[in-house]
C-alpha atoms as a PDB file:
ATOM      1  CA  MET A   1      -0.231  -0.048  -0.254  1.00  0.00           C
ATOM      2  CA  GLY A   2       1.686   3.248   0.431  1.00  0.00           C
ATOM      3  CA  GLN A   3       0.416   6.594  -1.136  1.00  0.00           C
ATOM      4  CA  ALA A   4       1.280   6.200  -4.505  1.00  0.00           C
ATOM      5  CA  ILE A   5       1.208   2.711  -6.941  1.00  0.00           C
ATOM      6  CA  ARG A   6       3.385   0.922  -7.063  1.00  0.00           C
ATOM      7  CA  GLU A   7       2.574  -1.309 -10.750  1.00  0.00           C
ATOM      8  CA  SER A   8       6.105  -3.442 -11.189  1.00  0.00           C
ATOM      9  CA  PRO A   9       7.017  -5.162 -14.370  1.00  0.00           C
ATOM     10  CA  LEU A  10       7.962  -9.547 -13.258  1.00  0.00           C
ATOM     11  CA  GLN A  11      11.471  -9.335 -12.515  1.00  0.00           C
ATOM     12  CA  GLY A  12      13.500 -12.687 -12.343  1.00  0.00           C
ATOM     13  CA  ILE A  13      14.635 -12.203  -9.150  1.00  0.00           C
ATOM     14  CA  GLY A  14      15.351 -15.132  -7.055  1.00  0.00           C
ATOM     15  CA  GLY A  15      13.577 -14.619  -3.119  1.00  0.00           C
ATOM     16  CA  ASN A  16      10.681 -15.620  -0.905  1.00  0.00           C
ATOM     17  CA  TYR A  17       7.595 -14.044  -2.585  1.00  0.00           C
ATOM     18  CA  ILE A  18       3.507 -13.725  -1.231  1.00  0.00           C
ATOM     19  CA  VAL A  19       1.273 -13.692  -3.250  1.00  0.00           C
ATOM     20  CA  LEU A  20      -2.834 -12.707  -2.787  1.00  0.00           C
ATOM     21  CA  GLN A  21      -5.486 -13.114  -6.269  1.00  0.00           C
ATOM     22  CA  CYS A  22      -7.930  -9.551  -4.681  1.00  0.00           C
ATOM     23  CA  TYR A  23     -10.334  -8.616  -7.649  1.00  0.00           C
ATOM     24  CA  GLY A  24     -14.319  -8.631  -8.025  1.00  0.00           C
ATOM     25  CA  ASN A  25     -16.096  -7.840  -4.593  1.00  0.00           C
ATOM     26  CA  LYS A  26     -14.910  -5.351  -2.191  1.00  0.00           C
ATOM     27  CA  GLY A  27     -15.575  -7.270   0.914  1.00  0.00           C
ATOM     28  CA  ILE A  28     -12.151  -8.976  -0.149  1.00  0.00           C
ATOM     29  CA  PHE A  29     -10.541  -5.958  -0.704  1.00  0.00           C
ATOM     30  CA  HIS A  30     -11.532  -5.953   2.876  1.00  0.00           C
ATOM     31  CA  GLU A  31      -9.980  -9.033   3.603  1.00  0.00           C
ATOM     32  CA  CYS A  32      -6.402  -8.801   1.745  1.00  0.00           C
ATOM     33  CA  ALA A  33      -5.995  -5.298   3.949  1.00  0.00           C
ATOM     34  CA  PHE A  34      -6.772  -6.637   6.659  1.00  0.00           C
ATOM     35  CA  ALA A  35      -4.812 -10.222   5.860  1.00  0.00           C
ATOM     36  CA  LEU A  36      -1.937  -7.590   4.865  1.00  0.00           C
ATOM     37  CA  LEU A  37      -2.258  -5.754   8.165  1.00  0.00           C
ATOM     38  CA  SER A  38      -1.592  -9.372  10.013  1.00  0.00           C
ATOM     39  CA  LEU A  39       1.578  -9.475   8.186  1.00  0.00           C
ATOM     40  CA  SER A  40       2.820  -6.413   9.993  1.00  0.00           C
ATOM     41  CA  ARG A  41       1.386  -7.233  13.224  1.00  0.00           C
ATOM     42  CA  LEU A  42       4.466  -9.551  13.151  1.00  0.00           C
ATOM     43  CA  TYR A  43       6.959  -8.325  11.655  1.00  0.00           C
ATOM     44  CA  GLN A  44       8.626  -4.439  12.350  1.00  0.00           C
ATOM     45  CA  ALA A  45       9.689  -2.159   8.844  1.00  0.00           C
ATOM     46  CA  GLY A  46      12.785  -4.256   7.389  1.00  0.00           C
ATOM     47  CA  GLN A  47      12.687  -7.319   9.171  1.00  0.00           C
ATOM     48  CA  LEU A  48       9.686  -9.423   6.692  1.00  0.00           C
ATOM     49  CA  PRO A  49      11.570 -12.119   4.936  1.00  0.00           C
ATOM     50  CA  VAL A  50      10.016 -11.878   1.862  1.00  0.00           C
ATOM     51  CA  SER A  51      11.077 -10.184  -1.226  1.00  0.00           C
ATOM     52  CA  GLU A  52       8.129  -8.660  -2.812  1.00  0.00           C
ATOM     53  CA  ILE A  53       4.389  -9.194  -2.205  1.00  0.00           C
ATOM     54  CA  TRP A  54       2.107  -9.345  -5.518  1.00  0.00           C
ATOM     55  CA  ILE A  55      -1.590  -8.609  -5.185  1.00  0.00           C
ATOM     56  CA  TYR A  56      -2.838  -9.573  -8.856  1.00  0.00           C
ATOM     57  CA  THR A  57      -6.330  -7.325  -8.729  1.00  0.00           C
ATOM     58  CA  ASP A  58      -8.707  -5.221 -11.113  1.00  0.00           C
ATOM     59  CA  ASP A  59      -8.086  -2.182  -8.702  1.00  0.00           C
ATOM     60  CA  PRO A  60      -4.691  -1.346  -7.307  1.00  0.00           C
ATOM     61  CA  THR A  61      -5.856   2.493  -6.836  1.00  0.00           C
ATOM     62  CA  TRP A  62      -7.774   0.719  -4.236  1.00  0.00           C
ATOM     63  CA  PHE A  63      -5.174   0.239  -2.029  1.00  0.00           C
ATOM     64  CA  ALA A  64      -3.526   4.102  -2.403  1.00  0.00           C
ATOM     65  CA  SER A  65      -5.829   4.989   0.677  1.00  0.00           C
ATOM     66  CA  PHE A  66      -3.735   3.594   2.933  1.00  0.00           C
ATOM     67  CA  LYS A  67      -1.074   5.491   3.836  1.00  0.00           C
ATOM     68  CA  ASP A  68       3.303   4.860   5.259  1.00  0.00           C
ATOM     69  CA  CYS A  69       2.348   1.393   4.239  1.00  0.00           C
ATOM     70  CA  SER A  70       6.098  -0.304   4.593  1.00  0.00           C
ATOM     71  CA  LEU A  71       4.801  -4.159   2.818  1.00  0.00           C
ATOM     72  CA  PRO A  72       6.794  -3.953  -0.261  1.00  0.00           C
ATOM     73  CA  LEU A  73       3.850  -4.713  -2.283  1.00  0.00           C
ATOM     74  CA  ARG A  74       3.576  -4.854  -6.362  1.00  0.00           C
ATOM     75  CA  TYR A  75       0.561  -4.669  -8.268  1.00  0.00           C
ATOM     76  CA  ARG A  76      -0.289  -7.217 -11.679  1.00  0.00           C
ATOM     77  CA  LYS A  77      -3.379  -5.367 -13.137  1.00  0.00           C
ATOM     78  CA  LEU A  78      -6.282  -7.751 -13.922  1.00  0.00           C
ATOM     79  CA  ASP A  79      -8.621  -6.479 -16.531  1.00  0.00           C
ATOM     80  CA  GLU A  80     -11.914  -8.584 -17.242  1.00  0.00           C
ATOM     81  CA  ALA A  81     -10.450  -9.825 -20.165  1.00  0.00           C
ATOM     82  CA  THR A  82      -7.433 -11.534 -18.703  1.00  0.00           C
ATOM     83  CA  ILE A  83      -9.472 -12.936 -15.659  1.00  0.00           C
ATOM     84  CA  ASN A  84     -12.562 -15.244 -17.975  1.00  0.00           C
ATOM     85  CA  LYS A  85      -9.243 -15.747 -20.103  1.00  0.00           C
ATOM     86  CA  TRP A  86      -8.185 -18.006 -16.531  1.00  0.00           C
ATOM     87  CA  LYS A  87     -11.505 -19.079 -16.634  1.00  0.00           C
ATOM     88  CA  GLY A  88     -11.063 -20.605 -19.480  1.00  0.00           C
ATOM     89  CA  ASP A  89     -13.799 -22.607 -21.623  1.00  0.00           C
ATOM     90  CA  ILE A  90     -15.059 -24.162 -18.150  1.00  0.00           C
ATOM     91  CA  ASN A  91     -15.491 -20.946 -17.354  1.00  0.00           C
ATOM     92  CA  PHE A  92     -14.402 -21.633 -13.818  1.00  0.00           C
ATOM     93  CA  VAL A  93     -13.433 -19.383 -11.467  1.00  0.00           C
ATOM     94  CA  HIS A  94     -11.115 -20.830  -9.228  1.00  0.00           C
ATOM     95  CA  ARG A  95      -8.764 -22.137 -12.512  1.00  0.00           C
ATOM     96  CA  VAL A  96      -8.407 -18.022 -11.301  1.00  0.00           C
ATOM     97  CA  LYS A  97      -5.770 -19.200  -9.207  1.00  0.00           C
ATOM     98  CA  ILE A  98      -3.831 -21.778 -11.482  1.00  0.00           C
ATOM     99  CA  GLU A  99      -3.496 -19.094 -14.063  1.00  0.00           C
ATOM    100  CA  VAL A 100      -2.442 -16.466 -11.191  1.00  0.00           C
ATOM    101  CA  LEU A 101       0.726 -18.798 -10.282  1.00  0.00           C
ATOM    102  CA  LYS A 102       1.394 -19.526 -13.760  1.00  0.00           C
ATOM    103  CA  ASP A 103       1.957 -16.113 -14.286  1.00  0.00           C
ATOM    104  CA  LEU A 104       3.557 -15.758 -10.766  1.00  0.00           C
ATOM    105  CA  VAL A 105       6.059 -18.142 -11.672  1.00  0.00           C
ATOM    106  CA  LYS A 106       7.688 -16.929 -15.067  1.00  0.00           C
ATOM    107  CA  ASP A 107      10.151 -14.997 -13.815  1.00  0.00           C
ATOM    108  CA  LYS A 108      10.672 -15.509 -10.626  1.00  0.00           C
ATOM    109  CA  VAL A 109      12.796 -18.204  -9.002  1.00  0.00           C
ATOM    110  CA  GLY A 110      12.510 -18.896  -5.526  1.00  0.00           C
ATOM    111  CA  ASN A 111       9.807 -19.578  -2.690  1.00  0.00           C
ATOM    112  CA  ILE A 112       6.413 -19.087  -3.301  1.00  0.00           C
ATOM    113  CA  LEU A 113       3.243 -18.907  -1.155  1.00  0.00           C
ATOM    114  CA  TYR A 114       0.416 -18.386  -1.728  1.00  0.00           C
ATOM    115  CA  LEU A 115      -2.869 -16.914  -0.202  1.00  0.00           C
ATOM    116  CA  ASP A 116      -6.664 -16.206  -0.407  1.00  0.00           C
ATOM    117  CA  CYS A 117      -7.703 -12.823   0.165  1.00  0.00           C
ATOM    118  CA  ASP A 118      -9.679 -14.569   3.792  1.00  0.00           C
ATOM    119  CA  VAL A 119      -6.345 -15.488   6.285  1.00  0.00           C
ATOM    120  CA  VAL A 120      -4.984 -13.928   9.321  1.00  0.00           C
ATOM    121  CA  PHE A 121      -0.965 -14.419  10.275  1.00  0.00           C
ATOM    122  CA  THR A 122      -0.591 -16.085  13.737  1.00  0.00           C
ATOM    123  CA  THR A 123       2.696 -17.015  13.474  1.00  0.00           C
ATOM    124  CA  PRO A 124       6.361 -15.798  12.272  1.00  0.00           C
ATOM    125  CA  ILE A 125       6.305 -16.969   8.696  1.00  0.00           C
ATOM    126  CA  GLU A 126      10.729 -17.412   8.430  1.00  0.00           C
ATOM    127  CA  GLU A 127      10.631 -21.615   9.006  1.00  0.00           C
ATOM    128  CA  VAL A 128       7.477 -21.913   6.151  1.00  0.00           C
ATOM    129  CA  PHE A 129      10.042 -20.347   3.841  1.00  0.00           C
ATOM    130  CA  ASN A 130      13.322 -22.100   4.774  1.00  0.00           C
ATOM    131  CA  ASN A 131      11.540 -25.126   4.854  1.00  0.00           C
ATOM    132  CA  ILE A 132       9.773 -24.001   1.084  1.00  0.00           C
ATOM    133  CA  GLY A 133      13.264 -23.396   0.379  1.00  0.00           C
ATOM    134  CA  ALA A 134      14.340 -26.978   1.494  1.00  0.00           C
ATOM    135  CA  SER A 135      11.829 -28.296  -1.330  1.00  0.00           C
ATOM    136  CA  GLN A 136       9.135 -28.891   1.091  1.00  0.00           C
ATOM    137  CA  LEU A 137       5.325 -27.921   0.073  1.00  0.00           C
ATOM    138  CA  TYR A 138       2.328 -26.287   2.174  1.00  0.00           C
ATOM    139  CA  MET A 139      -0.456 -26.074   1.803  1.00  0.00           C
ATOM    140  CA  HIS A 140      -3.134 -25.168   5.028  1.00  0.00           C
ATOM    141  CA  VAL A 141      -4.946 -27.923   6.505  1.00  0.00           C
ATOM    142  CA  ARG A 142      -5.688 -32.333   5.297  1.00  0.00           C
ATOM    143  CA  GLU A 143      -9.666 -32.572   6.110  1.00  0.00           C
ATOM    144  CA  GLY A 144      -9.177 -36.250   5.418  1.00  0.00           C
ATOM    145  CA  LYS A 145      -9.735 -38.963   2.853  1.00  0.00           C
ATOM    146  CA  VAL A 146     -11.738 -38.497   0.092  1.00  0.00           C
ATOM    147  CA  SER A 147     -12.268 -41.898   0.358  1.00  0.00           C
ATOM    148  CA  GLU A 148     -13.732 -41.240   3.925  1.00  0.00           C
ATOM    149  CA  ARG A 149     -16.992 -39.151   2.595  1.00  0.00           C
ATOM    150  CA  ASN A 150     -17.000 -37.374   5.140  1.00  0.00           C
ATOM    151  CA  ASN A 151     -19.583 -34.721   4.239  1.00  0.00           C
ATOM    152  CA  SER A 152     -21.463 -34.600   0.932  1.00  0.00           C
ATOM    153  CA  ILE A 153     -18.808 -32.725  -1.764  1.00  0.00           C
ATOM    154  CA  PHE A 154     -16.332 -35.833  -0.902  1.00  0.00           C
ATOM    155  CA  ALA A 155     -19.589 -38.515  -0.647  1.00  0.00           C
ATOM    156  CA  LYS A 156     -20.142 -37.355  -4.239  1.00  0.00           C
ATOM    157  CA  LEU A 157     -16.395 -36.530  -5.323  1.00  0.00           C
ATOM    158  CA  ASP A 158     -15.245 -40.480  -4.204  1.00  0.00           C
ATOM    159  CA  THR A 159     -17.943 -41.481  -6.046  1.00  0.00           C
ATOM    160  CA  TYR A 160     -17.059 -40.084  -9.271  1.00  0.00           C
ATOM    161  CA  LEU A 161     -13.381 -40.935  -9.133  1.00  0.00           C
ATOM    162  CA  ARG A 162     -14.056 -44.500  -8.743  1.00  0.00           C
ATOM    163  CA  LYS A 163     -15.618 -44.941 -11.419  1.00  0.00           C
ATOM    164  CA  ASN A 164     -14.339 -42.128 -13.737  1.00  0.00           C
ATOM    165  CA  VAL A 165     -10.529 -41.510 -12.090  1.00  0.00           C
ATOM    166  CA  PRO A 166      -8.687 -45.195 -12.475  1.00  0.00           C
ATOM    167  CA  LEU A 167      -5.180 -42.202 -11.432  1.00  0.00           C
ATOM    168  CA  LYS A 168      -3.240 -43.643  -8.633  1.00  0.00           C
ATOM    169  CA  ILE A 169      -0.541 -41.712  -6.716  1.00  0.00           C
ATOM    170  CA  ASN A 170       2.362 -42.419  -5.596  1.00  0.00           C
ATOM    171  CA  GLY A 171       0.249 -45.929  -5.790  1.00  0.00           C
ATOM    172  CA  THR A 172      -2.447 -44.901  -4.265  1.00  0.00           C
ATOM    173  CA  PRO A 173      -5.974 -44.701  -5.791  1.00  0.00           C
ATOM    174  CA  ILE A 174      -7.087 -41.431  -5.976  1.00  0.00           C
ATOM    175  CA  HIS A 175     -10.304 -42.284  -4.413  1.00  0.00           C
ATOM    176  CA  ASP A 176      -7.802 -43.064  -0.700  1.00  0.00           C
ATOM    177  CA  VAL A 177      -5.394 -39.515  -1.337  1.00  0.00           C
ATOM    178  CA  ALA A 178      -6.179 -37.340   1.046  1.00  0.00           C
ATOM    179  CA  MET A 179      -8.138 -33.602   0.589  1.00  0.00           C
ATOM    180  CA  TRP A 180      -5.879 -30.632   1.862  1.00  0.00           C
ATOM    181  CA  ASN A 181      -7.615 -27.321   2.042  1.00  0.00           C
ATOM    182  CA  ALA A 182      -6.267 -24.794  -0.863  1.00  0.00           C
ATOM    183  CA  GLY A 183      -6.692 -21.598   0.754  1.00  0.00           C
ATOM    184  CA  VAL A 184      -3.000 -21.609   1.576  1.00  0.00           C
ATOM    185  CA  LEU A 185      -0.228 -22.968  -0.876  1.00  0.00           C
ATOM    186  CA  GLY A 186       3.694 -23.034  -0.273  1.00  0.00           C
ATOM    187  CA  PHE A 187       5.817 -24.389  -3.608  1.00  0.00           C
ATOM    188  CA  ASN A 188       9.575 -24.347  -4.418  1.00  0.00           C
ATOM    189  CA  THR A 189       9.849 -22.396  -8.338  1.00  0.00           C
ATOM    190  CA  LYS A 190      11.350 -25.596  -9.277  1.00  0.00           C
ATOM    191  CA  HIS A 191       7.909 -27.479  -8.739  1.00  0.00           C
ATOM    192  CA  ALA A 192       6.468 -25.258 -11.026  1.00  0.00           C
ATOM    193  CA  HIS A 193       5.654 -27.945 -13.359  1.00  0.00           C
ATOM    194  CA  ILE A 194       3.264 -29.059 -10.260  1.00  0.00           C
ATOM    195  CA  LEU A 195       1.490 -25.929 -12.302  1.00  0.00           C
ATOM    196  CA  ASP A 196       0.615 -27.489 -15.224  1.00  0.00           C
ATOM    197  CA  GLU A 197      -0.455 -31.355 -13.867  1.00  0.00           C
ATOM    198  CA  VAL A 198      -3.309 -28.981 -12.036  1.00  0.00           C
ATOM    199  CA  LEU A 199      -4.467 -27.502 -14.613  1.00  0.00           C
ATOM    200  CA  THR A 200      -4.912 -30.003 -16.800  1.00  0.00           C
ATOM    201  CA  PHE A 201      -6.188 -32.422 -14.481  1.00  0.00           C
ATOM    202  CA  THR A 202      -8.772 -30.008 -13.468  1.00  0.00           C
ATOM    203  CA  ASP A 203      -9.884 -29.304 -17.493  1.00  0.00           C
ATOM    204  CA  ASN A 204     -10.679 -33.032 -17.614  1.00  0.00           C
ATOM    205  CA  GLU A 205     -12.594 -33.182 -14.545  1.00  0.00           C
ATOM    206  CA  TYR A 206     -14.352 -29.803 -13.779  1.00  0.00           C
ATOM    207  CA  PRO A 207     -16.453 -30.229 -16.937  1.00  0.00           C
ATOM    208  CA  ARG A 208     -17.367 -33.692 -15.371  1.00  0.00           C
ATOM    209  CA  PHE A 209     -17.387 -32.968 -12.042  1.00  0.00           C
ATOM    210  CA  PRO A 210     -18.417 -28.822 -11.625  1.00  0.00           C
ATOM    211  CA  LYS A 211     -18.348 -28.529  -8.071  1.00  0.00           C
ATOM    212  CA  HIS A 212     -15.749 -25.974  -6.727  1.00  0.00           C
ATOM    213  CA  VAL A 213     -13.392 -28.483  -5.241  1.00  0.00           C
ATOM    214  CA  ILE A 214     -12.326 -29.898  -8.435  1.00  0.00           C
ATOM    215  CA  GLU A 215      -8.961 -27.132  -7.763  1.00  0.00           C
ATOM    216  CA  GLN A 216      -9.015 -27.562  -4.174  1.00  0.00           C
ATOM    217  CA  PHE A 217      -8.282 -31.244  -5.040  1.00  0.00           C
ATOM    218  CA  ALA A 218      -6.251 -31.231  -8.178  1.00  0.00           C
ATOM    219  CA  PHE A 219      -3.183 -29.329  -6.108  1.00  0.00           C
ATOM    220  CA  SER A 220      -3.717 -31.799  -3.684  1.00  0.00           C
ATOM    221  CA  VAL A 221      -2.844 -34.942  -5.933  1.00  0.00           C
ATOM    222  CA  TYR A 222       0.190 -33.273  -7.128  1.00  0.00           C
ATOM    223  CA  PHE A 223       1.602 -31.661  -4.267  1.00  0.00           C
ATOM    224  CA  GLN A 224       1.388 -35.332  -2.277  1.00  0.00           C
ATOM    225  CA  GLN A 225       2.709 -36.837  -5.693  1.00  0.00           C
ATOM    226  CA  ALA A 226       5.678 -34.598  -5.738  1.00  0.00           C
ATOM    227  CA  GLY A 227       5.903 -35.452  -1.886  1.00  0.00           C
ATOM    228  CA  ASN A 228       4.748 -34.791   1.606  1.00  0.00           C
ATOM    229  CA  VAL A 229       2.834 -32.450   2.598  1.00  0.00           C
ATOM    230  CA  LYS A 230       3.266 -29.910   5.564  1.00  0.00           C
ATOM    231  CA  GLN A 231       0.197 -27.870   6.977  1.00  0.00           C
ATOM    232  CA  ALA A 232       0.027 -24.440   7.256  1.00  0.00           C
ATOM    233  CA  ALA A 233      -2.547 -23.774  10.167  1.00  0.00           C
ATOM    234  CA  SER A 234       0.412 -22.886  12.663  1.00  0.00           C
ATOM    235  CA  TYR A 235       0.705 -20.317  10.769  1.00  0.00           C
ATOM    236  CA  LEU A 236      -2.506 -18.722   9.249  1.00  0.00           C
ATOM    237  CA  ILE A 237      -6.100 -18.786  10.702  1.00  0.00           C
ATOM    238  CA  HIS A 238      -7.770 -19.338   6.981  1.00  0.00           C
ATOM    239  CA  TYR A 239     -12.170 -18.095   7.595  1.00  0.00           C
ATOM    240  CA  TRP A 240     -13.072 -18.865   4.403  1.00  0.00           C
ATOM    241  CA  ASN A 241     -16.225 -20.238   6.286  1.00  0.00           C
ATOM    242  CA  LEU A 242     -16.542 -16.234   7.821  1.00  0.00           C
ATOM    243  CA  LYS A 243     -17.900 -14.484   5.598  1.00  0.00           C
ATOM    244  CA  GLU A 244     -20.257 -12.821   8.132  1.00  0.00           C
ATOM    245  CA  VAL A 245     -17.302 -11.126   8.663  1.00  0.00           C
ATOM    246  CA  ARG A 246     -17.207  -8.727   5.644  1.00  0.00           C
ATOM    247  CA  PRO A 247     -19.909  -6.441   6.513  1.00  0.00           C
ATOM    248  CA  LEU A 248     -17.793  -5.987  10.163  1.00  0.00           C
ATOM    249  CA  LEU A 249     -14.706  -5.573   8.505  1.00  0.00           C
ATOM    250  CA  ALA A 250     -16.231  -3.354   6.211  1.00  0.00           C
ATOM    251  CA  SER A 251     -17.070  -1.295   8.860  1.00  0.00           C
ATOM    252  CA  PHE A 252     -13.707  -1.439  10.722  1.00  0.00           C
ATOM    253  CA  PHE A 253     -12.203   0.328   7.517  1.00  0.00           C
ATOM    254  CA  GLU A 254     -14.585   3.422   6.818  1.00  0.00           C
ATOM    255  CA  HIS A 255     -14.636   3.758  10.430  1.00  0.00           C
ATOM    256  CA  PHE A 256     -10.987   4.443  10.655  1.00  0.00           C
ATOM    257  CA  LYS A 257      -9.671   5.635   7.179  1.00  0.00           C
ATOM    258  CA  ASN A 258      -8.259   8.390   8.176  1.00  0.00           C
ATOM    259  CA  LYS A 259      -6.065   6.024  10.563  1.00  0.00           C
ATOM    260  CA  THR A 260      -2.150   5.237   9.278  1.00  0.00           C
ATOM    261  CA  TRP A 261      -0.869   1.765   8.303  1.00  0.00           C
ATOM    262  CA  SER A 262       0.724   1.408  11.572  1.00  0.00           C
ATOM    263  CA  GLU A 263      -2.237   3.062  13.859  1.00  0.00           C
ATOM    264  CA  LEU A 264      -4.772   0.385  11.592  1.00  0.00           C
ATOM    265  CA  VAL A 265      -1.804  -2.464  12.717  1.00  0.00           C
ATOM    266  CA  HIS A 266      -2.577  -1.083  16.258  1.00  0.00           C
ATOM    267  CA  TYR A 267      -6.623  -0.696  15.851  1.00  0.00           C
ATOM    268  CA  SER A 268      -6.445  -4.733  13.994  1.00  0.00           C
ATOM    269  CA  GLN A 269      -6.328  -5.842  17.668  1.00  0.00           C
ATOM    270  CA  LEU A 270     -10.341  -5.178  17.750  1.00  0.00           C
ATOM    271  CA  ILE A 271     -11.158  -7.528  15.251  1.00  0.00           C
ATOM    272  CA  GLN A 272     -10.061 -11.688  16.800  1.00  0.00           C
ATOM    273  CA  MET A 273     -11.106 -14.221  13.703  1.00  0.00           C
ATOM    274  CA  PRO A 274     -11.376 -16.955  16.216  1.00  0.00           C
ATOM    275  CA  VAL A 275     -13.190 -15.054  18.821  1.00  0.00           C
ATOM    276  CA  LEU A 276     -15.644 -14.808  15.929  1.00  0.00           C
ATOM    277  CA  MET A 277     -15.766 -18.807  14.329  1.00  0.00           C
ATOM    278  CA  GLN A 278     -16.374 -19.416  18.707  1.00  0.00           C
ATOM    279  CA  GLU A 279     -18.731 -17.123  18.676  1.00  0.00           C
ATOM    280  CA  LYS A 280     -20.109 -18.724  15.125  1.00  0.00           C
ATOM    281  CA  GLY A 281     -20.233 -22.181  16.265  1.00  0.00           C
ATOM    282  CA  ASN A 282     -21.889 -22.091  19.248  1.00  0.00           C
ATOM    283  CA  PHE A 283     -24.964 -20.115  17.422  1.00  0.00           C
ATOM    284  CA  TYR A 284     -25.443 -22.854  15.516  1.00  0.00           C
ATOM    285  CA  SER A 285     -24.463 -25.205  18.342  1.00  0.00           C
ATOM    286  CA  ASN A 286     -27.366 -23.454  20.581  1.00  0.00           C
ATOM    287  CA  ARG A 287     -29.919 -22.254  19.251  1.00  0.00           C
ATOM    288  CA  ASN A 288     -33.503 -23.893  19.475  1.00  0.00           C
ATOM    289  CA  VAL A 289     -35.389 -25.637  17.438  1.00  0.00           C
ATOM    290  CA  TRP A 290     -37.559 -22.803  16.176  1.00  0.00           C
ATOM    291  CA  LYS A 291     -34.608 -21.143  15.193  1.00  0.00           C
ATOM    292  CA  ASN A 292     -33.475 -24.387  13.345  1.00  0.00           C
ATOM    293  CA  ILE A 293     -36.337 -24.451  12.032  1.00  0.00           C
ATOM    294  CA  SER A 294     -36.938 -20.934  10.515  1.00  0.00           C
ATOM    295  CA  GLY A 295     -33.270 -20.209   9.291  1.00  0.00           C
ATOM    296  CA  GLU A 296     -31.909 -17.678  11.542  1.00  0.00           C
ATOM    297  CA  LYS A 297     -28.579 -16.650  10.398  1.00  0.00           C
ATOM    298  CA  TRP A 298     -25.385 -15.892  12.877  1.00  0.00           C
ATOM    299  CA  VAL A 299     -24.822 -12.601  12.754  1.00  0.00           C
ATOM    300  CA  PRO A 300     -21.531 -10.926  14.444  1.00  0.00           C
ATOM    301  CA  SER A 301     -22.306  -8.401  16.607  1.00  0.00           C
ATOM    302  CA  LYS A 302     -22.509  -4.556  15.000  1.00  0.00           C
ATOM    303  CA  PRO A 303     -19.238  -2.654  16.620  1.00  0.00           C
ATOM    304  CA  ASP A 304     -19.009   0.350  18.850  1.00  0.00           C
ATOM    305  CA  TRP A 305     -15.755   0.811  17.471  1.00  0.00           C
ATOM    306  CA  ALA A 306     -14.540   4.032  19.316  1.00  0.00           C
ATOM    307  CA  GLU A 307     -15.652   1.602  22.551  1.00  0.00           C
ATOM    308  CA  LEU A 308     -13.261  -1.037  21.728  1.00  0.00           C
ATOM    309  CA  VAL A 309     -10.764   1.100  21.352  1.00  0.00           C
ATOM    310  CA  LYS A 310     -10.518   2.243  25.419  1.00  0.00           C
ATOM    311  CA  GLN A 311     -10.014  -1.393  25.290  1.00  0.00           C
ATOM    312  CA  LEU A 312      -6.386  -1.782  24.284  1.00  0.00           C
END
């Protein structure tokens, strides 16, 4: 962020790179900014073990409203034509992630950490990049084997794979491969060939099984084929199932819109994603029969920011 838009050409510089895709819904922009604030909470200026943070976005000017950000942000402008091209002939929104990563690694050498915008850094990440540099692979968290059929999507995917994809990964039938959450992906650019395999699998299977998990499963399959996958959940929270907080984030950035980046970093402590995740879980666990029947939804409390600031 910072007062000027820095739209840099892709360059072949070795190092550690973070990449996010942030386009379309303004709620995603707020998530992206909050993720960056959480990173700044962990590191003082000049201490971040990252060469560049690349944001693939249709609106790089949105980030210019933030003042005095010391993060090494770079922007890759996405227009509608590029987004549609990257969705491919299969018109699959999650295919864009694969193309973003393929675009990034064309002119990069080093360690890549891809993040969905709905993440919060909780722990310093030097160890993650050190491990990636030593050929380790990262995804967010292991969700279980598809063949265990522990939810309806797994059950449908298991049935589909058994009937239609007689593929083995390191000797394991594909339906017995573990599904990992793909909201975080870590790999060295020497593993960039995996992206081609993920893209081919996605293009082949999504038309026949048009579910959002196909891209996620493709990353799970080919990361595990390439080596042992380590979980990134010790370093980041991925609140993919907490879209209800988008109005809360919008309210935060509106209330504090005139603050500097360092002030925003300080005030970002007022939003604790683990607490909100627990509140949502408690709401659905404890609501009565009538509220279950009526389908009442959890909504986070509307904050009084001025009052909350007094807690800091």
